[in-house]
Amino acid sequence: MIYILMGVSGSGKTTVGQMLAERLHCGFHDADSFHSEANKAKMHAGTPLTDEDRWPWLDAMRAAIDAARAEGRTHVFTCSALRQVYRDRLMPPGGGVTFVFMKGDAATIGGRLSARSDHFFNPALLQSQFDTLEEPGDALVLDIRQTPEALVQDILDKCPPDAVSCTGQPVH
């Protein structure tokens, strides 16, 4: 099973993703590790990425997803995956990937971003992420106001690593 925790920056993807990977004793990759230095510099400067900036980033993530699937390994990834076309690009044929939408409001997430100093993401970009976000219709949706521990347990309860479907719909 491949899990992709998605949502806007500051929604808790990395914290929850790392905790989930620890609980599952599996690998973890944050999407930020696939960004080019140019993309990171643009975001730090407050410049939103274009689709042309994103395609190589998403393709690198997809290669890592394919490698984990080919080896039959459970793996946790995080990625904003704000638009359906991005999620489609990450989704391999044959399924085995579950998206987990870390859903929160701008006030909650804005507060988190303003308290964070160790990340290249410029909080001024938060509204552009909400403007871009196309909420998924086929993901496990979590309310980020819960504790990280409760969110991990929700994922494990609703979407265990051996599940065929975690959202009541067929896994892609």
C-alpha atoms as a PDB file:
ATOM      1  CA  MET A   1       0.000   0.000   0.000  1.00  0.00           C
ATOM      2  CA  ILE A   2       1.201   3.482  -0.871  1.00  0.00           C
ATOM      3  CA  TYR A   3      -0.188   6.357   1.192  1.00  0.00           C
ATOM      4  CA  ILE A   4       0.003   9.923  -0.092  1.00  0.00           C
ATOM      5  CA  LEU A   5      -0.878  12.517   2.545  1.00  0.00           C
ATOM      6  CA  MET A   6      -1.980  15.630   0.680  1.00  0.00           C
ATOM      7  CA  GLY A   7      -3.128  19.166   1.418  1.00  0.00           C
ATOM      8  CA  VAL A   8      -1.884  22.722   1.598  1.00  0.00           C
ATOM      9  CA  SER A   9       1.388  23.617   3.240  1.00  0.00           C
ATOM     10  CA  GLY A  10       1.110  23.630   7.017  1.00  0.00           C
ATOM     11  CA  SER A  11      -1.671  21.027   7.163  1.00  0.00           C
ATOM     12  CA  GLY A  12       0.506  18.538   9.044  1.00  0.00           C
ATOM     13  CA  LYS A  13       1.378  16.184   6.191  1.00  0.00           C
ATOM     14  CA  THR A  14       4.998  15.681   7.234  1.00  0.00           C
ATOM     15  CA  THR A  15       4.346  15.274  10.956  1.00  0.00           C
ATOM     16  CA  VAL A  16       1.511  12.791  10.439  1.00  0.00           C
ATOM     17  CA  GLY A  17       3.286  11.065   7.540  1.00  0.00           C
ATOM     18  CA  GLN A  18       6.434  10.443   9.574  1.00  0.00           C
ATOM     19  CA  MET A  19       4.387   9.124  12.489  1.00  0.00           C
ATOM     20  CA  LEU A  20       2.382   6.845  10.176  1.00  0.00           C
ATOM     21  CA  ALA A  21       5.567   5.466   8.608  1.00  0.00           C
ATOM     22  CA  GLU A  22       6.982   4.777  12.085  1.00  0.00           C
ATOM     23  CA  ARG A  23       3.808   2.934  13.105  1.00  0.00           C
ATOM     24  CA  LEU A  24       3.884   0.888   9.887  1.00  0.00           C
ATOM     25  CA  HIS A  25       7.663   0.326  10.034  1.00  0.00           C
ATOM     26  CA  CYS A  26       7.922   1.482   6.445  1.00  0.00           C
ATOM     27  CA  GLY A  27       9.666   4.100   4.342  1.00  0.00           C
ATOM     28  CA  PHE A  28       8.768   7.793   4.198  1.00  0.00           C
ATOM     29  CA  HIS A  29       9.406  10.506   1.611  1.00  0.00           C
ATOM     30  CA  ASP A  30       8.373  14.127   1.861  1.00  0.00           C
ATOM     31  CA  ALA A  31       7.606  15.755  -1.499  1.00  0.00           C
ATOM     32  CA  ASP A  32       9.908  18.629  -0.591  1.00  0.00           C
ATOM     33  CA  SER A  33      12.883  16.306  -1.085  1.00  0.00           C
ATOM     34  CA  PHE A  34      11.916  15.979  -4.770  1.00  0.00           C
ATOM     35  CA  HIS A  35      11.805  19.756  -5.433  1.00  0.00           C
ATOM     36  CA  SER A  36      14.598  21.384  -7.380  1.00  0.00           C
ATOM     37  CA  GLU A  37      16.598  24.152  -5.739  1.00  0.00           C
ATOM     38  CA  ALA A  38      15.004  26.547  -8.243  1.00  0.00           C
ATOM     39  CA  ASN A  39      11.509  25.570  -7.062  1.00  0.00           C
ATOM     40  CA  LYS A  40      12.517  25.998  -3.427  1.00  0.00           C
ATOM     41  CA  ALA A  41      13.991  29.427  -4.181  1.00  0.00           C
ATOM     42  CA  LYS A  42      10.807  30.524  -5.963  1.00  0.00           C
ATOM     43  CA  MET A  43       8.615  29.452  -3.050  1.00  0.00           C
ATOM     44  CA  HIS A  44      10.931  31.060  -0.493  1.00  0.00           C
ATOM     45  CA  ALA A  45      10.663  34.307  -2.461  1.00  0.00           C
ATOM     46  CA  GLY A  46       6.864  34.063  -2.401  1.00  0.00           C
ATOM     47  CA  THR A  47       6.488  33.163  -6.086  1.00  0.00           C
ATOM     48  CA  PRO A  48       3.909  30.461  -6.771  1.00  0.00           C
ATOM     49  CA  LEU A  49       5.075  27.511  -8.851  1.00  0.00           C
ATOM     50  CA  THR A  50       3.697  27.002 -12.344  1.00  0.00           C
ATOM     51  CA  ASP A  51       2.635  23.663 -13.764  1.00  0.00           C
ATOM     52  CA  GLU A  52       5.874  23.650 -15.771  1.00  0.00           C
ATOM     53  CA  ASP A  53       7.767  23.895 -12.454  1.00  0.00           C
ATOM     54  CA  ARG A  54       5.707  21.070 -10.975  1.00  0.00           C
ATOM     55  CA  TRP A  55       5.843  18.415 -13.725  1.00  0.00           C
ATOM     56  CA  PRO A  56       9.480  17.299 -13.107  1.00  0.00           C
ATOM     57  CA  TRP A  57       8.818  17.323  -9.344  1.00  0.00           C
ATOM     58  CA  LEU A  58       5.715  15.163  -9.711  1.00  0.00           C
ATOM     59  CA  ASP A  59       7.470  12.846 -12.167  1.00  0.00           C
ATOM     60  CA  ALA A  60      10.327  12.291  -9.689  1.00  0.00           C
ATOM     61  CA  MET A  61       7.790  11.445  -6.992  1.00  0.00           C
ATOM     62  CA  ARG A  62       5.964   9.098  -9.343  1.00  0.00           C
ATOM     63  CA  ALA A  63       9.235   7.258 -10.049  1.00  0.00           C
ATOM     64  CA  ALA A  64       9.709   6.741  -6.299  1.00  0.00           C
ATOM     65  CA  ILE A  65       6.091   5.542  -5.965  1.00  0.00           C
ATOM     66  CA  ASP A  66       6.600   3.097  -8.833  1.00  0.00           C
ATOM     67  CA  ALA A  67       9.809   1.781  -7.257  1.00  0.00           C
ATOM     68  CA  ALA A  68       8.106   1.155  -3.892  1.00  0.00           C
ATOM     69  CA  ARG A  69       5.176  -0.580  -5.603  1.00  0.00           C
ATOM     70  CA  ALA A  70       7.480  -2.731  -7.743  1.00  0.00           C
ATOM     71  CA  GLU A  71       9.207  -3.936  -4.587  1.00  0.00           C
ATOM     72  CA  GLY A  72       5.852  -4.571  -2.872  1.00  0.00           C
ATOM     73  CA  ARG A  73       6.724  -2.181  -0.048  1.00  0.00           C
ATOM     74  CA  THR A  74       4.290  -0.142   2.013  1.00  0.00           C
ATOM     75  CA  HIS A  75       5.484   3.451   1.810  1.00  0.00           C
ATOM     76  CA  VAL A  76       4.253   6.862   2.973  1.00  0.00           C
ATOM     77  CA  PHE A  77       4.653   9.967   0.821  1.00  0.00           C
ATOM     78  CA  THR A  78       3.539  13.520   1.404  1.00  0.00           C
ATOM     79  CA  CYS A  79       2.671  15.914  -1.390  1.00  0.00           C
ATOM     80  CA  SER A  80       0.425  18.948  -1.650  1.00  0.00           C
ATOM     81  CA  ALA A  81      -1.211  17.358  -4.750  1.00  0.00           C
ATOM     82  CA  LEU A  82      -3.601  20.315  -4.828  1.00  0.00           C
ATOM     83  CA  ARG A  83      -5.154  19.660  -8.237  1.00  0.00           C
ATOM     84  CA  GLN A  84      -6.709  16.504  -9.626  1.00  0.00           C
ATOM     85  CA  VAL A  85      -4.317  16.576 -12.584  1.00  0.00           C
ATOM     86  CA  TYR A  86      -1.385  16.367 -10.111  1.00  0.00           C
ATOM     87  CA  ARG A  87      -2.975  13.444  -8.290  1.00  0.00           C
ATOM     88  CA  ASP A  88      -3.602  11.755 -11.641  1.00  0.00           C
ATOM     89  CA  ARG A  89       0.087  12.187 -12.504  1.00  0.00           C
ATOM     90  CA  LEU A  90       1.079  10.511  -9.225  1.00  0.00           C
ATOM     91  CA  MET A  91      -1.387   7.621  -9.594  1.00  0.00           C
ATOM     92  CA  PRO A  92       0.117   4.545 -11.248  1.00  0.00           C
ATOM     93  CA  PRO A  93      -2.007   2.177 -13.274  1.00  0.00           C
ATOM     94  CA  GLY A  94      -3.173  -0.780 -11.264  1.00  0.00           C
ATOM     95  CA  GLY A  95      -3.877   1.088  -8.038  1.00  0.00           C
ATOM     96  CA  GLY A  96      -2.424   0.421  -4.633  1.00  0.00           C
ATOM     97  CA  VAL A  97      -2.275   4.147  -3.815  1.00  0.00           C
ATOM     98  CA  THR A  98      -4.498   5.874  -1.263  1.00  0.00           C
ATOM     99  CA  PHE A  99      -4.726   9.631  -0.937  1.00  0.00           C
ATOM    100  CA  VAL A 100      -5.308  11.028   2.554  1.00  0.00           C
ATOM    101  CA  PHE A 101      -6.542  14.634   2.463  1.00  0.00           C
ATOM    102  CA  MET A 102      -5.341  16.674   5.438  1.00  0.00           C
ATOM    103  CA  LYS A 103      -8.197  19.180   5.494  1.00  0.00           C
ATOM    104  CA  GLY A 104      -8.083  22.401   7.451  1.00  0.00           C
ATOM    105  CA  ASP A 105      -9.160  26.025   7.277  1.00  0.00           C
ATOM    106  CA  ALA A 106      -6.971  29.012   6.448  1.00  0.00           C
ATOM    107  CA  ALA A 107      -7.003  30.388  10.011  1.00  0.00           C
ATOM    108  CA  THR A 108      -5.755  27.144  11.568  1.00  0.00           C
ATOM    109  CA  ILE A 109      -3.114  26.576   8.925  1.00  0.00           C
ATOM    110  CA  GLY A 110      -2.044  30.231   8.814  1.00  0.00           C
ATOM    111  CA  GLY A 111      -1.364  30.088  12.550  1.00  0.00           C
ATOM    112  CA  ARG A 112       0.795  27.022  12.077  1.00  0.00           C
ATOM    113  CA  LEU A 113       2.764  28.579   9.228  1.00  0.00           C
ATOM    114  CA  SER A 114       3.449  31.784  11.145  1.00  0.00           C
ATOM    115  CA  ALA A 115       4.949  29.714  13.987  1.00  0.00           C
ATOM    116  CA  ARG A 116       7.246  27.775  11.653  1.00  0.00           C
ATOM    117  CA  SER A 117      10.698  29.155  10.907  1.00  0.00           C
ATOM    118  CA  ASP A 118      12.593  26.166   9.532  1.00  0.00           C
ATOM    119  CA  HIS A 119      10.905  25.784   6.151  1.00  0.00           C
ATOM    120  CA  PHE A 120      11.421  27.392   2.747  1.00  0.00           C
ATOM    121  CA  PHE A 121       7.671  27.829   2.100  1.00  0.00           C
ATOM    122  CA  ASN A 122       6.665  31.485   2.299  1.00  0.00           C
ATOM    123  CA  PRO A 123       3.403  31.814   4.313  1.00  0.00           C
ATOM    124  CA  ALA A 124       2.302  34.517   1.852  1.00  0.00           C
ATOM    125  CA  LEU A 125       1.637  31.678  -0.619  1.00  0.00           C
ATOM    126  CA  LEU A 126      -1.011  30.019   1.564  1.00  0.00           C
ATOM    127  CA  GLN A 127      -3.954  31.789  -0.092  1.00  0.00           C
ATOM    128  CA  SER A 128      -2.681  30.786  -3.543  1.00  0.00           C
ATOM    129  CA  GLN A 129      -2.640  27.167  -2.370  1.00  0.00           C
ATOM    130  CA  PHE A 130      -6.247  27.394  -1.157  1.00  0.00           C
ATOM    131  CA  ASP A 131      -7.175  29.047  -4.465  1.00  0.00           C
ATOM    132  CA  THR A 132      -5.545  26.155  -6.369  1.00  0.00           C
ATOM    133  CA  LEU A 133      -6.910  23.358  -4.167  1.00  0.00           C
ATOM    134  CA  GLU A 134      -9.376  20.996  -5.813  1.00  0.00           C
ATOM    135  CA  GLU A 135     -10.666  18.883  -2.945  1.00  0.00           C
ATOM    136  CA  PRO A 136     -10.469  15.205  -3.845  1.00  0.00           C
ATOM    137  CA  GLY A 137     -13.630  13.186  -4.097  1.00  0.00           C
ATOM    138  CA  ASP A 138     -11.871   9.858  -3.653  1.00  0.00           C
ATOM    139  CA  ALA A 139      -9.585  10.360  -0.659  1.00  0.00           C
ATOM    140  CA  LEU A 140      -9.775   9.636   3.016  1.00  0.00           C
ATOM    141  CA  VAL A 141     -10.543  13.095   4.486  1.00  0.00           C
ATOM    142  CA  LEU A 142      -9.118  13.989   7.909  1.00  0.00           C
ATOM    143  CA  ASP A 143      -9.831  17.045  10.069  1.00  0.00           C
ATOM    144  CA  ILE A 144      -6.408  18.454  10.983  1.00  0.00           C
ATOM    145  CA  ARG A 145      -7.699  19.921  14.245  1.00  0.00           C
ATOM    146  CA  GLN A 146      -7.216  16.461  15.755  1.00  0.00           C
ATOM    147  CA  THR A 147      -3.892  15.540  17.342  1.00  0.00           C
ATOM    148  CA  PRO A 148      -1.293  13.931  15.067  1.00  0.00           C
ATOM    149  CA  GLU A 149      -1.655  10.711  17.063  1.00  0.00           C
ATOM    150  CA  ALA A 150      -5.431  10.666  16.502  1.00  0.00           C
ATOM    151  CA  LEU A 151      -4.946  11.343  12.784  1.00  0.00           C
ATOM    152  CA  VAL A 152      -2.535   8.423  12.443  1.00  0.00           C
ATOM    153  CA  GLN A 153      -4.958   6.158  14.271  1.00  0.00           C
ATOM    154  CA  ASP A 154      -7.778   7.320  11.975  1.00  0.00           C
ATOM    155  CA  ILE A 155      -5.712   6.357   8.943  1.00  0.00           C
ATOM    156  CA  LEU A 156      -4.867   2.950  10.389  1.00  0.00           C
ATOM    157  CA  ASP A 157      -8.479   2.313  11.419  1.00  0.00           C
ATOM    158  CA  LYS A 158     -10.013   3.385   8.117  1.00  0.00           C
ATOM    159  CA  CYS A 159      -7.242   2.432   5.751  1.00  0.00           C
ATOM    160  CA  PRO A 160      -5.014  -0.389   7.031  1.00  0.00           C
ATOM    161  CA  PRO A 161      -2.027  -1.297   4.840  1.00  0.00           C
ATOM    162  CA  ASP A 162      -3.740  -4.440   3.526  1.00  0.00           C
ATOM    163  CA  ALA A 163      -6.996  -2.672   2.586  1.00  0.00           C
ATOM    164  CA  VAL A 164      -8.451  -2.921  -0.880  1.00  0.00           C
ATOM    165  CA  SER A 165     -10.301   0.389  -0.510  1.00  0.00           C
ATOM    166  CA  CYS A 166     -10.141   3.015   2.188  1.00  0.00           C
ATOM    167  CA  THR A 167     -12.787   5.458   1.018  1.00  0.00           C
ATOM    168  CA  GLY A 168     -15.633   3.153   0.125  1.00  0.00           C
ATOM    169  CA  GLN A 169     -14.620   3.470  -3.514  1.00  0.00           C
ATOM    170  CA  PRO A 170     -12.228   1.304  -5.498  1.00  0.00           C
ATOM    171  CA  VAL A 171      -8.583   2.205  -5.002  1.00  0.00           C
ATOM    172  CA  HIS A 172      -7.247   3.610  -8.274  1.00  0.00           C
END
